[in-house]
Amino acid sequence: MLYNKAVKALNTYHYVATTQRLLGKLESYSLTLVRLQQQAVQLTNALESKQE
């Protein structure tokens, strides 16, 4: 689901305070996901360089 669609759904079905709290969690999870993806790329590159 796209970020904007998630925000729209939250605003439609939840109170403002709940929406803000959930968006904060979504942002935190998104940052964690980006860090994990970067780590996966680094580990893949390290493994490939060891195999050469």
Protein backbone atom coordinates (compact mmCIF):
# COMPACT_ATOMS: atom_id res chain seq x y z
CA MET A 1 0.00 0.00 0.00
CA LEU A 2 1.32 3.42 -0.83
CA TYR A 3 2.12 5.78 2.01
CA ASN A 4 -0.51 8.33 0.91
CA LYS A 5 -3.22 5.67 0.79
CA ALA A 6 -2.27 4.53 4.28
CA VAL A 7 -2.50 8.11 5.57
CA LYS A 8 -5.89 8.59 3.92
CA ALA A 9 -7.21 5.35 5.42
CA LEU A 10 -5.96 6.32 8.87
CA ASN A 11 -7.54 9.76 8.64
CA THR A 12 -10.82 8.26 7.49
CA TYR A 13 -11.21 5.62 10.18
CA HIS A 14 -9.36 6.96 13.24
CA TYR A 15 -9.25 10.00 15.49
CA VAL A 16 -6.48 12.56 14.97
CA ALA A 17 -4.47 11.44 18.01
CA THR A 18 -4.67 7.80 16.95
CA THR A 19 -3.72 8.70 13.39
CA GLN A 20 -0.68 10.67 14.56
CA ARG A 21 0.46 7.81 16.79
CA LEU A 22 0.05 5.25 14.02
CA LEU A 23 1.84 7.47 11.49
CA GLY A 24 4.71 7.82 13.93
CA LYS A 25 4.96 4.05 14.15
CA LEU A 26 4.76 3.77 10.35
CA GLU A 27 7.61 6.23 9.95
CA SER A 28 9.68 4.36 12.52
CA TYR A 29 9.05 1.03 10.81
CA SER A 30 9.89 2.56 7.43
CA LEU A 31 13.23 3.82 8.73
CA THR A 32 13.98 0.42 10.24
CA LEU A 33 13.16 -1.25 6.93
CA VAL A 34 15.50 1.10 5.05
CA ARG A 35 18.32 0.36 7.51
CA LEU A 36 17.78 -3.38 7.15
CA GLN A 37 17.80 -3.11 3.36
CA GLN A 38 21.06 -1.16 3.49
CA GLN A 39 22.55 -3.78 5.80
CA ALA A 40 21.45 -6.56 3.44
CA VAL A 41 23.20 -4.81 0.54
CA GLN A 42 26.38 -4.37 2.60
CA LEU A 43 26.37 -8.01 3.66
CA THR A 44 25.77 -9.15 0.09
CA ASN A 45 28.66 -7.01 -1.16
CA ALA A 46 30.93 -8.35 1.59
CA LEU A 47 30.03 -11.94 0.74
CA GLU A 48 30.60 -11.36 -2.97
CA SER A 49 34.01 -9.80 -2.32
CA LYS A 50 35.04 -12.79 -0.17
CA GLN A 51 34.06 -15.22 -2.93
CA GLU A 52 36.27 -13.49 -5.50
